[in-house]
């Protein structure tokens, strides 16, 4: 059976992470005063993007191993 849930989850994390990272990079610095000056959107966007990419790489590696 070819159903693998890792592909849509990896894509979802990657897309949301990319959008959040772009927003964090573009947004003004005034909104980060409450978070002690840390750009939380950029940091967590990069974390989500990394998790999504790692999930997609694990899926691809698993598909090669099963072939």
Protein backbone atom coordinates (compact mmCIF):
# COMPACT_ATOMS: atom_id res chain seq x y z
CA UNK A 1 0.00 0.00 0.00
CA UNK A 2 1.47 3.34 -1.07
CA UNK A 3 -0.13 5.56 1.57
CA UNK A 4 2.53 7.47 3.49
CA UNK A 5 1.40 10.16 5.91
CA UNK A 6 4.90 11.66 6.16
CA UNK A 7 4.64 13.37 2.77
CA UNK A 8 1.66 15.67 3.53
CA UNK A 9 2.91 16.31 7.07
CA UNK A 10 6.36 17.23 5.79
CA UNK A 11 4.86 19.51 3.16
CA UNK A 12 2.57 21.16 5.72
CA UNK A 13 5.44 21.85 8.15
CA UNK A 14 7.64 23.12 5.33
CA UNK A 15 5.02 25.49 3.91
CA UNK A 16 3.96 26.88 7.29
CA UNK A 17 7.61 27.21 8.35
CA UNK A 18 8.47 29.06 5.15
CA UNK A 19 5.53 31.45 5.56
CA UNK A 20 6.35 32.11 9.22
CA UNK A 21 10.03 32.67 8.44
CA UNK A 22 9.22 35.12 5.67
CA UNK A 23 6.84 37.01 7.96
CA UNK A 24 9.48 37.13 10.68
CA UNK A 25 12.08 38.43 8.24
CA UNK A 26 9.79 41.10 6.76
CA UNK A 27 7.89 42.30 9.86
CA UNK A 28 9.03 45.33 11.80
CA UNK A 29 11.01 45.00 15.00
CA UNK A 30 8.44 46.85 17.12
CA UNK A 31 6.22 43.79 17.53
CA UNK A 32 9.00 41.82 19.25
CA UNK A 33 9.29 44.07 22.32
CA UNK A 34 7.10 41.75 24.39
CA UNK A 35 9.35 38.78 23.59
CA UNK A 36 12.50 40.54 24.88
CA UNK A 37 13.53 41.49 21.36
CA UNK A 38 13.68 37.94 20.00
CA UNK A 39 12.21 37.42 16.55
CA UNK A 40 10.04 34.49 17.60
CA UNK A 41 8.34 34.15 14.22
CA UNK A 42 11.65 33.78 12.41
CA UNK A 43 13.07 31.32 14.94
CA UNK A 44 10.03 29.03 15.04
CA UNK A 45 9.53 29.35 11.30
CA UNK A 46 13.05 28.01 10.76
CA UNK A 47 12.41 25.21 13.26
CA UNK A 48 9.22 24.18 11.46
CA UNK A 49 10.95 24.39 8.10
CA UNK A 50 13.80 22.17 9.31
CA UNK A 51 11.35 19.61 10.74
CA UNK A 52 9.39 19.54 7.48
CA UNK A 53 12.51 19.09 5.37
CA UNK A 54 13.81 16.34 7.67
CA UNK A 55 10.48 14.56 7.46
CA UNK A 56 10.51 14.72 3.66
CA UNK A 57 14.13 13.50 3.55
CA UNK A 58 13.26 10.58 5.84
CA UNK A 59 10.38 9.68 3.54
CA UNK A 60 12.61 9.78 0.49
CA UNK A 61 15.32 7.72 2.20
CA UNK A 62 12.75 5.15 3.30
CA UNK A 63 11.33 4.92 -0.23
CA UNK A 64 14.80 4.26 -1.67
CA UNK A 65 15.49 1.58 0.91
CA UNK A 66 12.19 -0.24 0.19
CA UNK A 67 12.76 -0.25 -3.58
